[in-house]
Amino acid sequence: MSVSRPSVHPVEAPPLIDVAAQNGLRVRMKDVQGMPGTAGGLALRLCQLVFAGVSLAVMASTNDFPSVTAFCYLVAAVSLQCVWSLSLAIVDLYAISVRRSLRNCKVICFFAIGDGITSTLTFAAACASAGITVLIANDLNRCAVNHCKSLTN
């Protein structure tokens, strides 16, 4: 009886080809929660708008608002933040309604730069207002006159 033995013939593996480089395909950006053009991004923009509006209303309702430069600076910075947040919320709402993606690198960079500028201005204005508030609170114990009004005149 003749039994055949199985023999293994080595087969060379095909060379690895980078399909993305061959076809010129681009890599898509990852989905990040809260990115522009998503429901999370719209919710964050609306929260940003609401908080900036509350800050604007509180600062504009103070008695010393027109006479203290730091308070005026804070109102101006928060007003800019409101306009910026409202405009980006409208862009997000439009992108969601027409089902467009805002995954363009230039658009994301524009949003990030605008957010950086408005947040820096708002933070600087808030720090200046806090410093003036502490100064006024400490001076009121020693005298009844607001010195910030006399400095601006």
N, C-alpha and C. Protein backbone atom coordinates (compact mmCIF):
# COMPACT_ATOMS: atom_id res chain seq x y z
N MET A 1 0.82 -1.14 0.00
CA MET A 1 0.00 0.00 0.00
C MET A 1 0.89 1.23 0.00
N SER A 2 0.56 2.02 -0.91
CA SER A 2 1.34 3.23 -1.08
C SER A 2 0.53 4.42 -0.58
N VAL A 3 1.06 5.05 0.43
CA VAL A 3 0.38 6.21 1.03
C VAL A 3 1.17 7.45 0.65
N SER A 4 0.43 8.40 0.17
CA SER A 4 1.11 9.64 -0.21
C SER A 4 1.19 10.55 1.02
N ARG A 5 2.29 11.16 1.11
CA ARG A 5 2.49 12.07 2.23
C ARG A 5 2.21 13.49 1.76
N PRO A 6 1.50 14.23 2.61
CA PRO A 6 1.25 15.60 2.21
C PRO A 6 2.55 16.41 2.27
N SER A 7 2.71 17.22 1.32
CA SER A 7 3.90 18.07 1.32
C SER A 7 3.45 19.52 1.34
N VAL A 8 4.18 20.29 2.05
CA VAL A 8 3.86 21.71 2.17
C VAL A 8 4.80 22.47 1.25
N HIS A 9 4.18 23.21 0.38
CA HIS A 9 4.96 24.05 -0.53
C HIS A 9 4.87 25.48 -0.04
N PRO A 10 5.98 26.07 0.25
CA PRO A 10 5.93 27.46 0.74
C PRO A 10 5.43 28.40 -0.36
N VAL A 11 4.54 29.25 0.04
CA VAL A 11 4.00 30.25 -0.88
C VAL A 11 4.41 31.62 -0.35
N GLU A 12 4.93 32.41 -1.23
CA GLU A 12 5.35 33.75 -0.80
C GLU A 12 4.13 34.64 -0.63
N ALA A 13 4.16 35.43 0.44
CA ALA A 13 3.07 36.36 0.70
C ALA A 13 3.18 37.53 -0.28
N PRO A 14 2.04 38.03 -0.71
CA PRO A 14 2.09 39.17 -1.63
C PRO A 14 2.67 40.39 -0.90
N PRO A 15 3.32 41.25 -1.62
CA PRO A 15 3.92 42.42 -0.96
C PRO A 15 2.82 43.34 -0.41
N LEU A 16 3.13 43.94 0.72
CA LEU A 16 2.18 44.87 1.34
C LEU A 16 2.15 46.17 0.54
N ILE A 17 0.94 46.57 0.18
CA ILE A 17 0.77 47.79 -0.61
C ILE A 17 -0.03 48.77 0.24
N ASP A 18 0.44 49.99 0.32
CA ASP A 18 -0.28 51.03 1.06
C ASP A 18 -1.37 51.57 0.15
N VAL A 19 -2.59 51.14 0.42
CA VAL A 19 -3.73 51.50 -0.44
C VAL A 19 -3.99 53.00 -0.38
N ALA A 20 -3.84 53.60 0.79
CA ALA A 20 -4.11 55.03 0.93
C ALA A 20 -3.12 55.86 0.12
N ALA A 21 -1.86 55.43 0.09
CA ALA A 21 -0.86 56.18 -0.67
C ALA A 21 -1.06 55.96 -2.16
N GLN A 22 -1.52 54.78 -2.54
CA GLN A 22 -1.70 54.48 -3.95
C GLN A 22 -2.88 55.25 -4.55
N ASN A 23 -3.98 55.32 -3.81
CA ASN A 23 -5.18 55.99 -4.33
C ASN A 23 -5.24 57.46 -3.95
N GLY A 24 -4.34 57.94 -3.12
CA GLY A 24 -4.36 59.33 -2.70
C GLY A 24 -5.50 59.64 -1.75
N LEU A 25 -5.93 58.65 -0.98
CA LEU A 25 -7.03 58.87 -0.04
C LEU A 25 -6.54 59.70 1.14
N ARG A 26 -7.44 60.51 1.67
CA ARG A 26 -7.12 61.32 2.83
C ARG A 26 -7.67 60.66 4.09
N VAL A 27 -7.03 60.92 5.17
CA VAL A 27 -7.48 60.39 6.45
C VAL A 27 -8.49 61.38 7.03
N ARG A 28 -9.63 60.87 7.48
CA ARG A 28 -10.66 61.72 8.06
C ARG A 28 -10.32 62.03 9.51
N MET A 29 -10.76 63.19 9.95
CA MET A 29 -10.55 63.57 11.34
C MET A 29 -11.41 62.69 12.23
N LYS A 30 -10.94 62.46 13.42
CA LYS A 30 -11.70 61.66 14.37
C LYS A 30 -12.91 62.44 14.87
N ASP A 31 -13.94 61.71 15.23
CA ASP A 31 -15.11 62.34 15.84
C ASP A 31 -14.80 62.62 17.30
N VAL A 32 -14.81 63.88 17.65
CA VAL A 32 -14.56 64.30 19.02
C VAL A 32 -15.86 64.88 19.55
N GLN A 33 -16.23 64.53 20.75
CA GLN A 33 -17.46 65.06 21.32
C GLN A 33 -17.34 66.57 21.48
N GLY A 34 -18.37 67.28 21.01
CA GLY A 34 -18.37 68.73 21.12
C GLY A 34 -17.73 69.44 19.96
N MET A 35 -17.33 68.71 18.93
CA MET A 35 -16.71 69.37 17.78
C MET A 35 -17.76 70.13 16.97
N PRO A 36 -17.36 71.14 16.22
CA PRO A 36 -18.32 71.94 15.45
C PRO A 36 -19.13 71.08 14.48
N GLY A 37 -20.39 71.42 14.35
CA GLY A 37 -21.27 70.70 13.44
C GLY A 37 -21.96 69.51 14.05
N THR A 38 -21.83 69.32 15.36
CA THR A 38 -22.50 68.21 16.03
C THR A 38 -23.46 68.77 17.07
N ALA A 39 -24.34 67.91 17.55
CA ALA A 39 -25.30 68.34 18.57
C ALA A 39 -24.58 68.74 19.86
N GLY A 40 -23.52 68.04 20.19
CA GLY A 40 -22.74 68.39 21.38
C GLY A 40 -22.07 69.75 21.24
N GLY A 41 -21.55 70.03 20.05
CA GLY A 41 -20.95 71.34 19.79
C GLY A 41 -21.96 72.46 19.88
N LEU A 42 -23.16 72.21 19.36
CA LEU A 42 -24.22 73.22 19.45
C LEU A 42 -24.63 73.45 20.91
N ALA A 43 -24.73 72.39 21.68
CA ALA A 43 -25.08 72.54 23.10
C ALA A 43 -24.02 73.33 23.86
N LEU A 44 -22.76 73.07 23.57
CA LEU A 44 -21.69 73.80 24.24
C LEU A 44 -21.70 75.28 23.85
N ARG A 45 -21.96 75.57 22.58
CA ARG A 45 -22.02 76.97 22.13
C ARG A 45 -23.19 77.70 22.77
N LEU A 46 -24.32 77.02 22.89
CA LEU A 46 -25.47 77.66 23.52
C LEU A 46 -25.22 77.92 24.99
N CYS A 47 -24.56 76.98 25.68
CA CYS A 47 -24.19 77.20 27.09
C CYS A 47 -23.22 78.37 27.21
N GLN A 48 -22.27 78.44 26.30
CA GLN A 48 -21.31 79.54 26.28
C GLN A 48 -22.03 80.88 26.09
N LEU A 49 -23.01 80.90 25.20
CA LEU A 49 -23.80 82.10 24.94
C LEU A 49 -24.62 82.51 26.17
N VAL A 50 -25.23 81.54 26.82
CA VAL A 50 -26.05 81.83 28.00
C VAL A 50 -25.19 82.38 29.14
N PHE A 51 -24.05 81.76 29.40
CA PHE A 51 -23.19 82.23 30.48
C PHE A 51 -22.61 83.60 30.19
N ALA A 52 -22.26 83.87 28.94
CA ALA A 52 -21.76 85.20 28.59
C ALA A 52 -22.88 86.23 28.72
N GLY A 53 -24.09 85.87 28.36
CA GLY A 53 -25.22 86.78 28.50
C GLY A 53 -25.53 87.09 29.95
N VAL A 54 -25.46 86.09 30.82
CA VAL A 54 -25.68 86.31 32.25
C VAL A 54 -24.59 87.22 32.82
N SER A 55 -23.35 86.98 32.43
CA SER A 55 -22.26 87.84 32.89
C SER A 55 -22.45 89.27 32.41
N LEU A 56 -22.87 89.44 31.18
CA LEU A 56 -23.13 90.77 30.63
C LEU A 56 -24.24 91.47 31.40
N ALA A 57 -25.31 90.76 31.69
CA ALA A 57 -26.44 91.35 32.41
C ALA A 57 -26.04 91.74 33.84
N VAL A 58 -25.26 90.91 34.50
CA VAL A 58 -24.85 91.22 35.87
C VAL A 58 -23.93 92.44 35.90
N MET A 59 -22.97 92.49 34.98
CA MET A 59 -22.03 93.61 34.99
C MET A 59 -22.70 94.91 34.56
N ALA A 60 -23.62 94.85 33.62
CA ALA A 60 -24.29 96.07 33.16
C ALA A 60 -25.27 96.61 34.21
N SER A 61 -25.67 95.78 35.15
CA SER A 61 -26.63 96.23 36.16
C SER A 61 -25.96 96.81 37.40
N THR A 62 -24.65 96.84 37.49
CA THR A 62 -23.98 97.39 38.66
C THR A 62 -24.00 98.91 38.63
N ASN A 63 -23.89 99.51 39.79
CA ASN A 63 -23.90 100.97 39.89
C ASN A 63 -22.62 101.60 39.36
N ASP A 64 -21.47 100.96 39.59
CA ASP A 64 -20.18 101.52 39.20
C ASP A 64 -19.79 101.18 37.76
N PHE A 65 -20.66 100.53 37.02
CA PHE A 65 -20.29 100.08 35.68
C PHE A 65 -19.78 101.19 34.77
N PRO A 66 -20.47 102.31 34.62
CA PRO A 66 -19.98 103.31 33.66
C PRO A 66 -18.72 104.03 34.11
N SER A 67 -18.45 104.06 35.41
CA SER A 67 -17.33 104.86 35.91
C SER A 67 -16.03 104.08 36.04
N VAL A 68 -16.07 102.77 36.03
CA VAL A 68 -14.86 101.96 36.22
C VAL A 68 -14.47 101.33 34.88
N THR A 69 -13.26 101.60 34.44
CA THR A 69 -12.80 101.15 33.14
C THR A 69 -12.74 99.64 33.03
N ALA A 70 -12.35 98.97 34.11
CA ALA A 70 -12.26 97.51 34.07
C ALA A 70 -13.63 96.88 33.86
N PHE A 71 -14.66 97.46 34.45
CA PHE A 71 -16.01 96.94 34.26
C PHE A 71 -16.47 97.16 32.81
N CYS A 72 -16.14 98.31 32.26
CA CYS A 72 -16.48 98.57 30.85
C CYS A 72 -15.75 97.60 29.93
N TYR A 73 -14.49 97.30 30.26
CA TYR A 73 -13.70 96.35 29.48
C TYR A 73 -14.32 94.95 29.56
N LEU A 74 -14.79 94.57 30.73
CA LEU A 74 -15.43 93.27 30.88
C LEU A 74 -16.72 93.20 30.07
N VAL A 75 -17.51 94.25 30.09
CA VAL A 75 -18.75 94.26 29.33
C VAL A 75 -18.45 94.19 27.83
N ALA A 76 -17.42 94.89 27.38
CA ALA A 76 -17.05 94.84 25.96
C ALA A 76 -16.55 93.44 25.57
N ALA A 77 -15.73 92.83 26.42
CA ALA A 77 -15.20 91.49 26.12
C ALA A 77 -16.31 90.44 26.12
N VAL A 78 -17.23 90.54 27.06
CA VAL A 78 -18.32 89.57 27.13
C VAL A 78 -19.31 89.80 25.98
N SER A 79 -19.47 91.05 25.56
CA SER A 79 -20.31 91.32 24.38
C SER A 79 -19.72 90.66 23.14
N LEU A 80 -18.40 90.77 22.98
CA LEU A 80 -17.73 90.09 21.87
C LEU A 80 -17.90 88.59 21.97
N GLN A 81 -17.82 88.05 23.19
CA GLN A 81 -18.01 86.61 23.40
C GLN A 81 -19.42 86.20 23.02
N CYS A 82 -20.42 87.02 23.34
CA CYS A 82 -21.81 86.71 22.97
C CYS A 82 -21.97 86.67 21.45
N VAL A 83 -21.41 87.65 20.77
CA VAL A 83 -21.52 87.69 19.30
C VAL A 83 -20.82 86.48 18.68
N TRP A 84 -19.63 86.16 19.17
CA TRP A 84 -18.87 85.03 18.66
C TRP A 84 -19.63 83.71 18.90
N SER A 85 -20.14 83.53 20.10
CA SER A 85 -20.86 82.29 20.43
C SER A 85 -22.15 82.17 19.62
N LEU A 86 -22.86 83.28 19.45
CA LEU A 86 -24.09 83.25 18.68
C LEU A 86 -23.82 82.92 17.21
N SER A 87 -22.79 83.51 16.66
CA SER A 87 -22.49 83.22 15.25
C SER A 87 -22.07 81.77 15.04
N LEU A 88 -21.29 81.21 15.95
CA LEU A 88 -20.88 79.82 15.80
C LEU A 88 -22.03 78.86 16.11
N ALA A 89 -22.94 79.26 16.98
CA ALA A 89 -24.13 78.44 17.23
C ALA A 89 -25.00 78.39 15.97
N ILE A 90 -25.11 79.51 15.26
CA ILE A 90 -25.87 79.52 14.01
C ILE A 90 -25.20 78.64 12.97
N VAL A 91 -23.87 78.69 12.88
CA VAL A 91 -23.15 77.82 11.94
C VAL A 91 -23.35 76.36 12.30
N ASP A 92 -23.29 76.03 13.59
CA ASP A 92 -23.53 74.65 14.02
C ASP A 92 -24.95 74.20 13.71
N LEU A 93 -25.91 75.07 13.95
CA LEU A 93 -27.30 74.74 13.67
C LEU A 93 -27.52 74.51 12.17
N TYR A 94 -26.90 75.34 11.35
CA TYR A 94 -27.01 75.16 9.90
C TYR A 94 -26.36 73.85 9.46
N ALA A 95 -25.19 73.55 10.01
CA ALA A 95 -24.49 72.31 9.64
C ALA A 95 -25.29 71.08 10.05
N ILE A 96 -25.94 71.15 11.19
CA ILE A 96 -26.76 70.02 11.63
C ILE A 96 -28.01 69.89 10.76
N SER A 97 -28.62 71.03 10.42
CA SER A 97 -29.88 70.96 9.65
C SER A 97 -29.66 70.47 8.22
N VAL A 98 -28.54 70.79 7.60
CA VAL A 98 -28.28 70.32 6.24
C VAL A 98 -27.39 69.07 6.21
N ARG A 99 -27.09 68.57 7.40
CA ARG A 99 -26.27 67.36 7.56
C ARG A 99 -24.91 67.47 6.89
N ARG A 100 -24.26 68.61 7.12
CA ARG A 100 -22.91 68.84 6.61
C ARG A 100 -21.91 68.65 7.75
N SER A 101 -20.77 68.19 7.39
CA SER A 101 -19.72 68.00 8.38
C SER A 101 -18.78 69.20 8.34
N LEU A 102 -18.36 69.64 9.49
CA LEU A 102 -17.40 70.74 9.58
C LEU A 102 -16.02 70.19 9.95
N ARG A 103 -15.60 69.16 9.29
CA ARG A 103 -14.32 68.52 9.60
C ARG A 103 -13.19 69.07 8.75
N ASN A 104 -13.33 70.25 8.26
CA ASN A 104 -12.28 70.89 7.49
C ASN A 104 -11.24 71.45 8.45
N CYS A 105 -9.98 71.21 8.16
CA CYS A 105 -8.90 71.62 9.05
C CYS A 105 -8.87 73.15 9.19
N LYS A 106 -9.09 73.86 8.10
CA LYS A 106 -9.05 75.33 8.17
C LYS A 106 -10.20 75.89 9.01
N VAL A 107 -11.37 75.27 8.90
CA VAL A 107 -12.52 75.72 9.69
C VAL A 107 -12.27 75.48 11.17
N ILE A 108 -11.75 74.32 11.51
CA ILE A 108 -11.46 73.99 12.91
C ILE A 108 -10.40 74.95 13.46
N CYS A 109 -9.38 75.26 12.67
CA CYS A 109 -8.34 76.20 13.12
C CYS A 109 -8.93 77.60 13.33
N PHE A 110 -9.82 78.02 12.44
CA PHE A 110 -10.47 79.33 12.58
C PHE A 110 -11.28 79.38 13.87
N PHE A 111 -12.05 78.33 14.14
CA PHE A 111 -12.84 78.28 15.37
C PHE A 111 -11.93 78.30 16.60
N ALA A 112 -10.85 77.53 16.55
CA ALA A 112 -9.94 77.45 17.70
C ALA A 112 -9.25 78.78 17.97
N ILE A 113 -8.82 79.47 16.91
CA ILE A 113 -8.16 80.76 17.08
C ILE A 113 -9.15 81.79 17.62
N GLY A 114 -10.36 81.81 17.08
CA GLY A 114 -11.39 82.73 17.59
C GLY A 114 -11.74 82.46 19.03
N ASP A 115 -11.86 81.18 19.39
CA ASP A 115 -12.14 80.83 20.79
C ASP A 115 -10.99 81.25 21.70
N GLY A 116 -9.76 81.09 21.23
CA GLY A 116 -8.61 81.49 22.03
C GLY A 116 -8.56 82.99 22.27
N ILE A 117 -8.87 83.76 21.23
CA ILE A 117 -8.86 85.22 21.37
C ILE A 117 -9.95 85.69 22.32
N THR A 118 -11.17 85.19 22.11
CA THR A 118 -12.27 85.64 22.97
C THR A 118 -12.10 85.18 24.41
N SER A 119 -11.59 83.97 24.62
CA SER A 119 -11.41 83.51 26.00
C SER A 119 -10.29 84.28 26.70
N THR A 120 -9.23 84.64 25.97
CA THR A 120 -8.15 85.43 26.58
C THR A 120 -8.64 86.82 26.96
N LEU A 121 -9.40 87.45 26.06
CA LEU A 121 -9.94 88.77 26.37
C LEU A 121 -10.89 88.72 27.56
N THR A 122 -11.76 87.72 27.59
CA THR A 122 -12.71 87.61 28.69
C THR A 122 -12.00 87.32 30.01
N PHE A 123 -10.99 86.47 29.99
CA PHE A 123 -10.25 86.15 31.22
C PHE A 123 -9.50 87.37 31.73
N ALA A 124 -8.87 88.12 30.84
CA ALA A 124 -8.15 89.32 31.25
C ALA A 124 -9.11 90.36 31.83
N ALA A 125 -10.27 90.51 31.21
CA ALA A 125 -11.25 91.47 31.72
C ALA A 125 -11.81 91.04 33.07
N ALA A 126 -12.03 89.74 33.24
CA ALA A 126 -12.53 89.24 34.53
C ALA A 126 -11.50 89.44 35.63
N CYS A 127 -10.23 89.23 35.31
CA CYS A 127 -9.17 89.45 36.31
C CYS A 127 -9.07 90.92 36.68
N ALA A 128 -9.17 91.81 35.69
CA ALA A 128 -9.11 93.24 35.99
C ALA A 128 -10.30 93.67 36.83
N SER A 129 -11.47 93.15 36.51
CA SER A 129 -12.66 93.50 37.28
C SER A 129 -12.58 92.97 38.70
N ALA A 130 -12.04 91.78 38.86
CA ALA A 130 -11.88 91.22 40.22
C ALA A 130 -10.90 92.06 41.03
N GLY A 131 -9.82 92.51 40.39
CA GLY A 131 -8.85 93.35 41.09
C GLY A 131 -9.45 94.67 41.53
N ILE A 132 -10.23 95.29 40.66
CA ILE A 132 -10.88 96.55 41.01
C ILE A 132 -11.92 96.34 42.10
N THR A 133 -12.63 95.23 42.03
CA THR A 133 -13.63 94.94 43.06
C THR A 133 -12.99 94.77 44.43
N VAL A 134 -11.87 94.08 44.50
CA VAL A 134 -11.15 93.92 45.77
C VAL A 134 -10.63 95.27 46.25
N LEU A 135 -10.13 96.09 45.32
CA LEU A 135 -9.64 97.41 45.69
C LEU A 135 -10.77 98.26 46.27
N ILE A 136 -11.92 98.26 45.62
CA ILE A 136 -13.05 99.05 46.10
C ILE A 136 -13.54 98.51 47.45
N ALA A 137 -13.59 97.18 47.60
CA ALA A 137 -14.07 96.59 48.85
C ALA A 137 -13.13 96.92 50.01
N ASN A 138 -11.83 96.94 49.76
CA ASN A 138 -10.88 97.27 50.83
C ASN A 138 -10.88 98.75 51.14
N ASP A 139 -11.09 99.60 50.16
CA ASP A 139 -11.09 101.05 50.38
C ASP A 139 -12.36 101.52 51.06
N LEU A 140 -13.45 100.81 50.89
CA LEU A 140 -14.71 101.25 51.50
C LEU A 140 -14.65 101.19 53.02
N ASN A 141 -13.77 100.39 53.57
CA ASN A 141 -13.63 100.34 55.03
C ASN A 141 -12.92 101.58 55.56
N ARG A 142 -12.10 102.22 54.74
CA ARG A 142 -11.32 103.37 55.20
C ARG A 142 -11.95 104.71 54.82
N CYS A 143 -12.63 104.74 53.69
CA CYS A 143 -13.27 105.99 53.28
C CYS A 143 -14.51 105.66 52.45
N ALA A 144 -15.40 106.61 52.33
CA ALA A 144 -16.67 106.37 51.64
C ALA A 144 -16.62 106.79 50.18
N VAL A 145 -15.45 107.16 49.67
CA VAL A 145 -15.36 107.64 48.29
C VAL A 145 -14.75 106.54 47.42
N ASN A 146 -15.32 106.36 46.25
CA ASN A 146 -14.77 105.43 45.28
C ASN A 146 -13.66 106.14 44.53
N HIS A 147 -12.39 105.76 44.77
CA HIS A 147 -11.24 106.43 44.17
C HIS A 147 -11.13 106.17 42.68
N CYS A 148 -11.73 105.11 42.19
CA CYS A 148 -11.64 104.80 40.76
C CYS A 148 -12.34 105.86 39.93
N LYS A 149 -13.38 106.48 40.46
CA LYS A 149 -14.08 107.54 39.73
C LYS A 149 -13.20 108.78 39.62
N SER A 150 -12.45 109.10 40.66
CA SER A 150 -11.63 110.31 40.63
C SER A 150 -10.39 110.12 39.75
N LEU A 151 -9.95 108.89 39.57
CA LEU A 151 -8.79 108.62 38.72
C LEU A 151 -9.13 108.77 37.24
N THR A 152 -10.37 108.48 36.86
CA THR A 152 -10.73 108.55 35.46
C THR A 152 -11.10 109.96 35.03
N ASN A 153 -11.38 110.85 35.94
CA ASN A 153 -11.78 112.22 35.58
C ASN A 153 -10.58 113.12 35.39
